[in-house]
């Protein structure tokens, strides 16, 4: 059985409030999100709230969530602090291929 989990990221101790979220180590973070998408684990990701990011995972266990969070470069660097919460979508629509969105926005990957 797989579970949906939302990883909610808030500004961490190394967050720069004068710089937008898209400018703070986001190339490395985006590459990490693309990796999760290619592995079939990432459901969606995006900016959330004031300077935060949220990403939803489809994972087999709590340990997998902990592993992914421990590998997240934005959490490792202190740009974000994060918490994992269960996520139960009530309505779901296809949002398209994450890789194509990243390529369109950044022109890379």
PDB file of N, CA and C in Angstrom:
ATOM      1  N   UNK A   1       0.831  -1.171   0.000  1.00  0.00           N
ATOM      2  CA  UNK A   1       0.000   0.000   0.000  1.00  0.00           C
ATOM      3  C   UNK A   1       0.886   1.249   0.000  1.00  0.00           C
ATOM      4  N   UNK A   2       0.467   2.232  -0.745  1.00  0.00           N
ATOM      5  CA  UNK A   2       1.186   3.498  -0.801  1.00  0.00           C
ATOM      6  C   UNK A   2       0.377   4.586  -0.117  1.00  0.00           C
ATOM      7  N   UNK A   3       1.080   5.598   0.396  1.00  0.00           N
ATOM      8  CA  UNK A   3       0.460   6.688   1.127  1.00  0.00           C
ATOM      9  C   UNK A   3       0.855   8.012   0.481  1.00  0.00           C
ATOM     10  N   UNK A   4      -0.057   8.963   0.509  1.00  0.00           N
ATOM     11  CA  UNK A   4       0.242  10.317   0.066  1.00  0.00           C
ATOM     12  C   UNK A   4       0.689  11.104   1.297  1.00  0.00           C
ATOM     13  N   UNK A   5       1.801  11.795   1.151  1.00  0.00           N
ATOM     14  CA  UNK A   5       2.348  12.582   2.249  1.00  0.00           C
ATOM     15  C   UNK A   5       2.732  13.954   1.705  1.00  0.00           C
ATOM     16  N   UNK A   6       2.317  15.009   2.405  1.00  0.00           N
ATOM     17  CA  UNK A   6       2.708  16.367   2.040  1.00  0.00           C
ATOM     18  C   UNK A   6       3.920  16.758   2.878  1.00  0.00           C
ATOM     19  N   UNK A   7       4.979  17.186   2.207  1.00  0.00           N
ATOM     20  CA  UNK A   7       6.147  17.728   2.889  1.00  0.00           C
ATOM     21  C   UNK A   7       6.004  19.245   2.796  1.00  0.00           C
ATOM     22  N   UNK A   8       5.760  19.862   3.937  1.00  0.00           N
ATOM     23  CA  UNK A   8       5.518  21.301   4.002  1.00  0.00           C
ATOM     24  C   UNK A   8       6.809  21.961   4.464  1.00  0.00           C
ATOM     25  N   UNK A   9       7.359  22.817   3.605  1.00  0.00           N
ATOM     26  CA  UNK A   9       8.637  23.473   3.874  1.00  0.00           C
ATOM     27  C   UNK A   9       8.414  24.952   4.191  1.00  0.00           C
ATOM     28  N   UNK A  10       8.985  25.387   5.288  1.00  0.00           N
ATOM     29  CA  UNK A  10       8.921  26.779   5.727  1.00  0.00           C
ATOM     30  C   UNK A  10      10.338  27.346   5.702  1.00  0.00           C
ATOM     31  N   UNK A  11      10.482  28.666   5.678  1.00  0.00           N
ATOM     32  CA  UNK A  11      11.827  29.240   5.737  1.00  0.00           C
ATOM     33  C   UNK A  11      12.601  28.713   6.952  1.00  0.00           C
ATOM     34  N   UNK A  12      13.841  28.291   6.687  1.00  0.00           N
ATOM     35  CA  UNK A  12      14.696  27.757   7.737  1.00  0.00           C
ATOM     36  C   UNK A  12      15.708  28.779   8.219  1.00  0.00           C
ATOM     37  N   UNK A  13      16.669  28.342   9.032  1.00  0.00           N
ATOM     38  CA  UNK A  13      17.640  29.274   9.621  1.00  0.00           C
ATOM     39  C   UNK A  13      18.542  29.962   8.587  1.00  0.00           C
ATOM     40  N   UNK A  14      18.745  29.349   7.432  1.00  0.00           N
ATOM     41  CA  UNK A  14      19.595  29.962   6.401  1.00  0.00           C
ATOM     42  C   UNK A  14      18.793  30.623   5.288  1.00  0.00           C
ATOM     43  N   UNK A  15      17.492  30.792   5.503  1.00  0.00           N
ATOM     44  CA  UNK A  15      16.616  31.469   4.556  1.00  0.00           C
ATOM     45  C   UNK A  15      16.998  32.950   4.493  1.00  0.00           C
ATOM     46  N   UNK A  16      17.019  33.500   3.292  1.00  0.00           N
ATOM     47  CA  UNK A  16      17.277  34.927   3.101  1.00  0.00           C
ATOM     48  C   UNK A  16      15.951  35.609   2.781  1.00  0.00           C
ATOM     49  N   UNK A  17      15.382  36.367   3.722  1.00  0.00           N
ATOM     50  CA  UNK A  17      14.073  36.974   3.490  1.00  0.00           C
ATOM     51  C   UNK A  17      14.078  38.032   2.384  1.00  0.00           C
ATOM     52  N   UNK A  18      15.259  38.489   1.986  1.00  0.00           N
ATOM     53  CA  UNK A  18      15.343  39.501   0.934  1.00  0.00           C
ATOM     54  C   UNK A  18      15.433  38.893  -0.464  1.00  0.00           C
ATOM     55  N   UNK A  19      15.460  37.577  -0.541  1.00  0.00           N
ATOM     56  CA  UNK A  19      15.575  36.887  -1.821  1.00  0.00           C
ATOM     57  C   UNK A  19      14.361  35.991  -2.026  1.00  0.00           C
ATOM     58  N   UNK A  20      13.746  36.013  -3.217  1.00  0.00           N
ATOM     59  CA  UNK A  20      12.587  35.150  -3.451  1.00  0.00           C
ATOM     60  C   UNK A  20      12.966  33.672  -3.406  1.00  0.00           C
ATOM     61  N   UNK A  21      11.972  32.836  -3.096  1.00  0.00           N
ATOM     62  CA  UNK A  21      12.193  31.400  -2.968  1.00  0.00           C
ATOM     63  C   UNK A  21      12.849  30.821  -4.222  1.00  0.00           C
ATOM     64  N   UNK A  22      12.502  31.339  -5.383  1.00  0.00           N
ATOM     65  CA  UNK A  22      13.038  30.799  -6.642  1.00  0.00           C
ATOM     66  C   UNK A  22      14.523  31.085  -6.825  1.00  0.00           C
ATOM     67  N   UNK A  23      15.108  31.934  -6.001  1.00  0.00           N
ATOM     68  CA  UNK A  23      16.528  32.277  -6.135  1.00  0.00           C
ATOM     69  C   UNK A  23      17.420  31.604  -5.094  1.00  0.00           C
ATOM     70  N   UNK A  24      16.843  30.880  -4.152  1.00  0.00           N
ATOM     71  CA  UNK A  24      17.623  30.317  -3.046  1.00  0.00           C
ATOM     72  C   UNK A  24      17.873  28.826  -3.256  1.00  0.00           C
ATOM     73  N   UNK A  25      18.991  28.491  -3.810  1.00  0.00           N
ATOM     74  CA  UNK A  25      19.420  27.109  -4.108  1.00  0.00           C
ATOM     75  C   UNK A  25      18.362  26.326  -4.867  1.00  0.00           C
ATOM     76  N   UNK A  26      17.533  27.014  -5.617  1.00  0.00           N
ATOM     77  CA  UNK A  26      16.409  26.330  -6.246  1.00  0.00           C
ATOM     78  C   UNK A  26      16.830  25.448  -7.418  1.00  0.00           C
ATOM     79  N   UNK A  27      17.950  25.721  -8.056  1.00  0.00           N
ATOM     80  CA  UNK A  27      18.368  24.835  -9.145  1.00  0.00           C
ATOM     81  C   UNK A  27      18.633  23.435  -8.610  1.00  0.00           C
ATOM     82  N   UNK A  28      19.348  23.342  -7.491  1.00  0.00           N
ATOM     83  CA  UNK A  28      19.642  22.045  -6.881  1.00  0.00           C
ATOM     84  C   UNK A  28      18.354  21.403  -6.369  1.00  0.00           C
ATOM     85  N   UNK A  29      17.494  22.197  -5.734  1.00  0.00           N
ATOM     86  CA  UNK A  29      16.221  21.682  -5.229  1.00  0.00           C
ATOM     87  C   UNK A  29      15.350  21.185  -6.385  1.00  0.00           C
ATOM     88  N   UNK A  30      15.306  21.950  -7.480  1.00  0.00           N
ATOM     89  CA  UNK A  30      14.492  21.551  -8.628  1.00  0.00           C
ATOM     90  C   UNK A  30      15.013  20.263  -9.242  1.00  0.00           C
ATOM     91  N   UNK A  31      16.323  20.117  -9.337  1.00  0.00           N
ATOM     92  CA  UNK A  31      16.894  18.853  -9.840  1.00  0.00           C
ATOM     93  C   UNK A  31      16.475  17.683  -8.945  1.00  0.00           C
ATOM     94  N   UNK A  32      16.422  17.924  -7.640  1.00  0.00           N
ATOM     95  CA  UNK A  32      15.993  16.892  -6.705  1.00  0.00           C
ATOM     96  C   UNK A  32      14.528  16.538  -6.945  1.00  0.00           C
ATOM     97  N   UNK A  33      13.683  17.544  -7.173  1.00  0.00           N
ATOM     98  CA  UNK A  33      12.273  17.292  -7.462  1.00  0.00           C
ATOM     99  C   UNK A  33      12.118  16.506  -8.771  1.00  0.00           C
ATOM    100  N   UNK A  34      12.900  16.839  -9.784  1.00  0.00           N
ATOM    101  CA  UNK A  34      12.857  16.117 -11.061  1.00  0.00           C
ATOM    102  C   UNK A  34      13.245  14.656 -10.837  1.00  0.00           C
ATOM    103  N   UNK A  35      14.264  14.422 -10.018  1.00  0.00           N
ATOM    104  CA  UNK A  35      14.685  13.051  -9.699  1.00  0.00           C
ATOM    105  C   UNK A  35      13.526  12.279  -9.051  1.00  0.00           C
ATOM    106  N   UNK A  36      12.847  12.899  -8.083  1.00  0.00           N
ATOM    107  CA  UNK A  36      11.719  12.235  -7.426  1.00  0.00           C
ATOM    108  C   UNK A  36      10.590  11.968  -8.415  1.00  0.00           C
ATOM    109  N   UNK A  37      10.371  12.911  -9.332  1.00  0.00           N
ATOM    110  CA  UNK A  37       9.335  12.726 -10.344  1.00  0.00           C
ATOM    111  C   UNK A  37       9.677  11.550 -11.251  1.00  0.00           C
ATOM    112  N   UNK A  38      10.908  11.465 -11.675  1.00  0.00           N
ATOM    113  CA  UNK A  38      11.327  10.368 -12.565  1.00  0.00           C
ATOM    114  C   UNK A  38      11.249   9.023 -11.869  1.00  0.00           C
ATOM    115  N   UNK A  39      11.421   9.020 -10.547  1.00  0.00           N
ATOM    116  CA  UNK A  39      11.293   7.781  -9.773  1.00  0.00           C
ATOM    117  C   UNK A  39       9.829   7.410  -9.523  1.00  0.00           C
ATOM    118  N   UNK A  40       8.906   8.298  -9.899  1.00  0.00           N
ATOM    119  CA  UNK A  40       7.488   8.037  -9.707  1.00  0.00           C
ATOM    120  C   UNK A  40       6.992   8.300  -8.300  1.00  0.00           C
ATOM    121  N   UNK A  41       7.756   9.023  -7.502  1.00  0.00           N
ATOM    122  CA  UNK A  41       7.414   9.290  -6.109  1.00  0.00           C
ATOM    123  C   UNK A  41       6.709  10.634  -5.949  1.00  0.00           C
ATOM    124  N   UNK A  42       7.073  11.616  -6.759  1.00  0.00           N
ATOM    125  CA  UNK A  42       6.530  12.965  -6.632  1.00  0.00           C
ATOM    126  C   UNK A  42       5.162  13.072  -7.298  1.00  0.00           C
ATOM    127  N   UNK A  43       4.192  13.568  -6.561  1.00  0.00           N
ATOM    128  CA  UNK A  43       2.846  13.786  -7.091  1.00  0.00           C
ATOM    129  C   UNK A  43       2.734  15.218  -7.603  1.00  0.00           C
ATOM    130  N   UNK A  44       3.167  16.183  -6.791  1.00  0.00           N
ATOM    131  CA  UNK A  44       3.162  17.587  -7.186  1.00  0.00           C
ATOM    132  C   UNK A  44       4.093  18.368  -6.283  1.00  0.00           C
ATOM    133  N   UNK A  45       4.481  19.549  -6.733  1.00  0.00           N
ATOM    134  CA  UNK A  45       5.336  20.429  -5.939  1.00  0.00           C
ATOM    135  C   UNK A  45       5.074  21.859  -6.369  1.00  0.00           C
ATOM    136  N   UNK A  46       5.209  22.776  -5.428  1.00  0.00           N
ATOM    137  CA  UNK A  46       5.027  24.178  -5.781  1.00  0.00           C
ATOM    138  C   UNK A  46       5.248  25.099  -4.598  1.00  0.00           C
ATOM    139  N   UNK A  47       5.273  26.397  -4.901  1.00  0.00           N
ATOM    140  CA  UNK A  47       5.400  27.406  -3.857  1.00  0.00           C
ATOM    141  C   UNK A  47       4.137  27.401  -3.011  1.00  0.00           C
ATOM    142  N   UNK A  48       4.318  27.711  -1.737  1.00  0.00           N
ATOM    143  CA  UNK A  48       3.203  27.655  -0.805  1.00  0.00           C
ATOM    144  C   UNK A  48       3.400  28.733   0.249  1.00  0.00           C
ATOM    145  N   UNK A  49       2.387  29.527   0.478  1.00  0.00           N
ATOM    146  CA  UNK A  49       2.448  30.535   1.523  1.00  0.00           C
ATOM    147  C   UNK A  49       3.516  31.579   1.267  1.00  0.00           C
ATOM    148  N   UNK A  50       4.004  32.160   2.331  1.00  0.00           N
ATOM    149  CA  UNK A  50       5.024  33.205   2.264  1.00  0.00           C
ATOM    150  C   UNK A  50       6.416  32.584   2.315  1.00  0.00           C
ATOM    151  N   UNK A  51       6.985  32.328   1.147  1.00  0.00           N
ATOM    152  CA  UNK A  51       8.340  31.801   1.087  1.00  0.00           C
ATOM    153  C   UNK A  51       8.457  30.309   1.289  1.00  0.00           C
ATOM    154  N   UNK A  52       7.364  29.607   1.294  1.00  0.00           N
ATOM    155  CA  UNK A  52       7.424  28.172   1.515  1.00  0.00           C
ATOM    156  C   UNK A  52       7.243  27.367   0.244  1.00  0.00           C
ATOM    157  N   UNK A  53       7.438  26.082   0.393  1.00  0.00           N
ATOM    158  CA  UNK A  53       7.253  25.129  -0.691  1.00  0.00           C
ATOM    159  C   UNK A  53       6.511  23.935  -0.110  1.00  0.00           C
ATOM    160  N   UNK A  54       5.673  23.319  -0.915  1.00  0.00           N
ATOM    161  CA  UNK A  54       5.019  22.081  -0.502  1.00  0.00           C
ATOM    162  C   UNK A  54       5.208  21.070  -1.621  1.00  0.00           C
ATOM    163  N   UNK A  55       5.500  19.839  -1.252  1.00  0.00           N
ATOM    164  CA  UNK A  55       5.502  18.779  -2.251  1.00  0.00           C
ATOM    165  C   UNK A  55       4.809  17.551  -1.679  1.00  0.00           C
ATOM    166  N   UNK A  56       4.076  16.873  -2.555  1.00  0.00           N
ATOM    167  CA  UNK A  56       3.304  15.702  -2.163  1.00  0.00           C
ATOM    168  C   UNK A  56       3.969  14.474  -2.765  1.00  0.00           C
ATOM    169  N   UNK A  57       4.159  13.477  -1.917  1.00  0.00           N
ATOM    170  CA  UNK A  57       4.823  12.238  -2.311  1.00  0.00           C
ATOM    171  C   UNK A  57       3.841  11.072  -2.258  1.00  0.00           C
ATOM    172  N   UNK A  58       4.091  10.074  -3.069  1.00  0.00           N
ATOM    173  CA  UNK A  58       3.380   8.802  -3.028  1.00  0.00           C
ATOM    174  C   UNK A  58       4.409   7.757  -2.624  1.00  0.00           C
ATOM    175  N   UNK A  59       4.356   7.339  -1.369  1.00  0.00           N
ATOM    176  CA  UNK A  59       5.423   6.512  -0.801  1.00  0.00           C
ATOM    177  C   UNK A  59       4.876   5.268  -0.107  1.00  0.00           C
ATOM    178  N   UNK A  60       5.713   4.224   0.005  1.00  0.00           N
ATOM    179  CA  UNK A  60       5.265   2.995   0.650  1.00  0.00           C
ATOM    180  C   UNK A  60       5.365   3.010   2.177  1.00  0.00           C
ATOM    181  N   UNK A  61       6.140   3.975   2.746  1.00  0.00           N
ATOM    182  CA  UNK A  61       6.355   3.923   4.189  1.00  0.00           C
ATOM    183  C   UNK A  61       6.821   5.267   4.737  1.00  0.00           C
ATOM    184  N   UNK A  62       6.703   5.395   6.054  1.00  0.00           N
ATOM    185  CA  UNK A  62       7.208   6.574   6.759  1.00  0.00           C
ATOM    186  C   UNK A  62       8.722   6.681   6.586  1.00  0.00           C
ATOM    187  N   UNK A  63       9.393   5.544   6.566  1.00  0.00           N
ATOM    188  CA  UNK A  63      10.847   5.541   6.409  1.00  0.00           C
ATOM    189  C   UNK A  63      11.269   6.148   5.065  1.00  0.00           C
ATOM    190  N   UNK A  64      10.492   5.891   4.019  1.00  0.00           N
ATOM    191  CA  UNK A  64      10.808   6.469   2.709  1.00  0.00           C
ATOM    192  C   UNK A  64      10.667   7.985   2.743  1.00  0.00           C
ATOM    193  N   UNK A  65       9.649   8.489   3.415  1.00  0.00           N
ATOM    194  CA  UNK A  65       9.487   9.945   3.563  1.00  0.00           C
ATOM    195  C   UNK A  65      10.687  10.518   4.305  1.00  0.00           C
ATOM    196  N   UNK A  66      11.075   9.885   5.398  1.00  0.00           N
ATOM    197  CA  UNK A  66      12.225  10.355   6.181  1.00  0.00           C
ATOM    198  C   UNK A  66      13.496  10.344   5.337  1.00  0.00           C
ATOM    199  N   UNK A  67      13.676   9.317   4.520  1.00  0.00           N
ATOM    200  CA  UNK A  67      14.844   9.239   3.640  1.00  0.00           C
ATOM    201  C   UNK A  67      14.838  10.403   2.645  1.00  0.00           C
ATOM    202  N   UNK A  68      13.705  10.632   2.009  1.00  0.00           N
ATOM    203  CA  UNK A  68      13.610  11.708   1.019  1.00  0.00           C
ATOM    204  C   UNK A  68      13.879  13.053   1.677  1.00  0.00           C
ATOM    205  N   UNK A  69      13.294  13.299   2.838  1.00  0.00           N
ATOM    206  CA  UNK A  69      13.526  14.574   3.522  1.00  0.00           C
ATOM    207  C   UNK A  69      14.990  14.739   3.923  1.00  0.00           C
ATOM    208  N   UNK A  70      15.639  13.645   4.308  1.00  0.00           N
ATOM    209  CA  UNK A  70      17.053  13.738   4.699  1.00  0.00           C
ATOM    210  C   UNK A  70      17.957  14.004   3.505  1.00  0.00           C
ATOM    211  N   UNK A  71      17.479  13.679   2.295  1.00  0.00           N
ATOM    212  CA  UNK A  71      18.255  13.908   1.073  1.00  0.00           C
ATOM    213  C   UNK A  71      17.929  15.235   0.404  1.00  0.00           C
ATOM    214  N   UNK A  72      16.876  15.911   0.848  1.00  0.00           N
ATOM    215  CA  UNK A  72      16.440  17.168   0.230  1.00  0.00           C
ATOM    216  C   UNK A  72      17.521  18.236   0.455  1.00  0.00           C
ATOM    217  N   UNK A  73      18.124  18.753  -0.627  1.00  0.00           N
ATOM    218  CA  UNK A  73      19.216  19.706  -0.468  1.00  0.00           C
ATOM    219  C   UNK A  73      18.807  21.027   0.175  1.00  0.00           C
ATOM    220  N   UNK A  74      17.571  21.449   0.001  1.00  0.00           N
ATOM    221  CA  UNK A  74      17.120  22.703   0.615  1.00  0.00           C
ATOM    222  C   UNK A  74      16.925  22.542   2.119  1.00  0.00           C
ATOM    223  N   UNK A  75      16.536  21.347   2.555  1.00  0.00           N
ATOM    224  CA  UNK A  75      16.422  21.066   3.989  1.00  0.00           C
ATOM    225  C   UNK A  75      17.821  20.895   4.580  1.00  0.00           C
ATOM    226  N   UNK A  76      18.675  20.139   3.883  1.00  0.00           N
ATOM    227  CA  UNK A  76      20.050  19.927   4.348  1.00  0.00           C
ATOM    228  C   UNK A  76      20.785  21.244   4.560  1.00  0.00           C
ATOM    229  N   UNK A  77      20.592  22.193   3.641  1.00  0.00           N
ATOM    230  CA  UNK A  77      21.321  23.469   3.700  1.00  0.00           C
ATOM    231  C   UNK A  77      20.707  24.462   4.669  1.00  0.00           C
ATOM    232  N   UNK A  78      19.545  24.152   5.224  1.00  0.00           N
ATOM    233  CA  UNK A  78      18.903  25.061   6.169  1.00  0.00           C
ATOM    234  C   UNK A  78      18.079  26.157   5.512  1.00  0.00           C
ATOM    235  N   UNK A  79      17.939  26.108   4.186  1.00  0.00           N
ATOM    236  CA  UNK A  79      17.067  27.066   3.510  1.00  0.00           C
ATOM    237  C   UNK A  79      15.627  26.832   3.979  1.00  0.00           C
ATOM    238  N   UNK A  80      15.250  25.552   4.094  1.00  0.00           N
ATOM    239  CA  UNK A  80      13.927  25.195   4.587  1.00  0.00           C
ATOM    240  C   UNK A  80      14.042  24.341   5.831  1.00  0.00           C
ATOM    241  N   UNK A  81      13.036  24.425   6.659  1.00  0.00           N
ATOM    242  CA  UNK A  81      12.755  23.424   7.691  1.00  0.00           C
ATOM    243  C   UNK A  81      11.455  22.791   7.237  1.00  0.00           C
ATOM    244  N   UNK A  82      11.250  21.540   7.527  1.00  0.00           N
ATOM    245  CA  UNK A  82      10.096  20.855   6.938  1.00  0.00           C
ATOM    246  C   UNK A  82       9.434  19.909   7.919  1.00  0.00           C
ATOM    247  N   UNK A  83       8.179  19.650   7.624  1.00  0.00           N
ATOM    248  CA  UNK A  83       7.419  18.657   8.371  1.00  0.00           C
ATOM    249  C   UNK A  83       6.603  17.853   7.369  1.00  0.00           C
ATOM    250  N   UNK A  84       6.419  16.586   7.675  1.00  0.00           N
ATOM    251  CA  UNK A  84       5.619  15.706   6.821  1.00  0.00           C
ATOM    252  C   UNK A  84       4.257  15.512   7.462  1.00  0.00           C
ATOM    253  N   UNK A  85       3.220  15.580   6.628  1.00  0.00           N
ATOM    254  CA  UNK A  85       1.857  15.397   7.098  1.00  0.00           C
ATOM    255  C   UNK A  85       1.124  14.483   6.130  1.00  0.00           C
ATOM    256  N   UNK A  86       0.237  13.657   6.647  1.00  0.00           N
ATOM    257  CA  UNK A  86      -0.551  12.814   5.743  1.00  0.00           C
ATOM    258  C   UNK A  86      -1.389  13.710   4.842  1.00  0.00           C
ATOM    259  N   UNK A  87      -1.627  13.242   3.633  1.00  0.00           N
ATOM    260  CA  UNK A  87      -2.368  14.017   2.637  1.00  0.00           C
ATOM    261  C   UNK A  87      -3.378  13.094   1.991  1.00  0.00           C
ATOM    262  N   UNK A  88      -4.625  13.488   2.037  1.00  0.00           N
ATOM    263  CA  UNK A  88      -5.692  12.679   1.465  1.00  0.00           C
ATOM    264  C   UNK A  88      -6.444  13.519   0.441  1.00  0.00           C
ATOM    265  N   UNK A  89      -6.095  13.412  -0.845  1.00  0.00           N
ATOM    266  CA  UNK A  89      -6.779  14.234  -1.845  1.00  0.00           C
ATOM    267  C   UNK A  89      -8.243  13.821  -1.980  1.00  0.00           C
ATOM    268  N   UNK A  90      -9.108  14.807  -1.963  1.00  0.00           N
ATOM    269  CA  UNK A  90     -10.529  14.544  -2.134  1.00  0.00           C
ATOM    270  C   UNK A  90     -10.924  14.636  -3.597  1.00  0.00           C
ATOM    271  N   UNK A  91     -10.282  15.543  -4.309  1.00  0.00           N
ATOM    272  CA  UNK A  91     -10.490  15.697  -5.747  1.00  0.00           C
ATOM    273  C   UNK A  91      -9.112  15.796  -6.367  1.00  0.00           C
ATOM    274  N   UNK A  92      -8.893  15.100  -7.437  1.00  0.00           N
ATOM    275  CA  UNK A  92      -7.578  15.118  -8.071  1.00  0.00           C
ATOM    276  C   UNK A  92      -7.738  15.208  -9.581  1.00  0.00           C
ATOM    277  N   UNK A  93      -6.989  16.105 -10.181  1.00  0.00           N
ATOM    278  CA  UNK A  93      -6.938  16.246 -11.629  1.00  0.00           C
ATOM    279  C   UNK A  93      -5.484  16.151 -12.054  1.00  0.00           C
ATOM    280  N   UNK A  94      -5.248  15.663 -13.228  1.00  0.00           N
ATOM    281  CA  UNK A  94      -3.892  15.598 -13.744  1.00  0.00           C
ATOM    282  C   UNK A  94      -3.350  17.006 -13.899  1.00  0.00           C
ATOM    283  N   UNK A  95      -2.126  17.243 -13.407  1.00  0.00           N
ATOM    284  CA  UNK A  95      -1.529  18.570 -13.537  1.00  0.00           C
ATOM    285  C   UNK A  95      -0.435  18.586 -14.590  1.00  0.00           C
ATOM    286  N   UNK A  96      -0.318  17.513 -15.347  1.00  0.00           N
ATOM    287  CA  UNK A  96       0.692  17.482 -16.394  1.00  0.00           C
ATOM    288  C   UNK A  96       2.012  16.938 -15.897  1.00  0.00           C
ATOM    289  N   UNK A  97       2.934  16.869 -16.776  1.00  0.00           N
ATOM    290  CA  UNK A  97       4.241  16.308 -16.496  1.00  0.00           C
ATOM    291  C   UNK A  97       5.141  17.351 -15.846  1.00  0.00           C
ATOM    292  N   UNK A  98       5.589  17.086 -14.625  1.00  0.00           N
ATOM    293  CA  UNK A  98       6.418  18.031 -13.875  1.00  0.00           C
ATOM    294  C   UNK A  98       7.674  18.396 -14.639  1.00  0.00           C
ATOM    295  N   UNK A  99       8.302  17.424 -15.289  1.00  0.00           N
ATOM    296  CA  UNK A  99       9.527  17.707 -16.028  1.00  0.00           C
ATOM    297  C   UNK A  99       9.291  18.753 -17.116  1.00  0.00           C
ATOM    298  N   UNK A 100       8.173  18.678 -17.816  1.00  0.00           N
ATOM    299  CA  UNK A 100       7.888  19.661 -18.861  1.00  0.00           C
ATOM    300  C   UNK A 100       7.686  21.046 -18.276  1.00  0.00           C
ATOM    301  N   UNK A 101       7.057  21.144 -17.111  1.00  0.00           N
ATOM    302  CA  UNK A 101       6.861  22.433 -16.463  1.00  0.00           C
ATOM    303  C   UNK A 101       8.213  23.026 -16.088  1.00  0.00           C
ATOM    304  N   UNK A 102       9.092  22.212 -15.515  1.00  0.00           N
ATOM    305  CA  UNK A 102      10.418  22.688 -15.119  1.00  0.00           C
ATOM    306  C   UNK A 102      11.192  23.181 -16.339  1.00  0.00           C
ATOM    307  N   UNK A 103      11.161  22.434 -17.407  1.00  0.00           N
ATOM    308  CA  UNK A 103      11.877  22.819 -18.619  1.00  0.00           C
ATOM    309  C   UNK A 103      11.315  24.121 -19.171  1.00  0.00           C
ATOM    310  N   UNK A 104      10.014  24.265 -19.197  1.00  0.00           N
ATOM    311  CA  UNK A 104       9.398  25.478 -19.716  1.00  0.00           C
ATOM    312  C   UNK A 104       9.747  26.696 -18.865  1.00  0.00           C
ATOM    313  N   UNK A 105       9.791  26.534 -17.555  1.00  0.00           N
ATOM    314  CA  UNK A 105      10.063  27.664 -16.654  1.00  0.00           C
ATOM    315  C   UNK A 105      11.542  28.032 -16.620  1.00  0.00           C
ATOM    316  N   UNK A 106      12.407  27.044 -16.673  1.00  0.00           N
ATOM    317  CA  UNK A 106      13.827  27.327 -16.463  1.00  0.00           C
ATOM    318  C   UNK A 106      14.657  27.231 -17.707  1.00  0.00           C
ATOM    319  N   UNK A 107      14.167  26.523 -18.717  1.00  0.00           N
ATOM    320  CA  UNK A 107      14.938  26.332 -19.938  1.00  0.00           C
ATOM    321  C   UNK A 107      16.052  25.315 -19.791  1.00  0.00           C
ATOM    322  N   UNK A 108      16.038  24.545 -18.691  1.00  0.00           N
ATOM    323  CA  UNK A 108      17.091  23.552 -18.481  1.00  0.00           C
ATOM    324  C   UNK A 108      16.507  22.244 -17.991  1.00  0.00           C
ATOM    325  N   UNK A 109      17.376  21.327 -17.678  1.00  0.00           N
ATOM    326  CA  UNK A 109      17.090  19.984 -17.197  1.00  0.00           C
ATOM    327  C   UNK A 109      16.655  19.152 -18.346  1.00  0.00           C
TER     328      UNK A 109
END
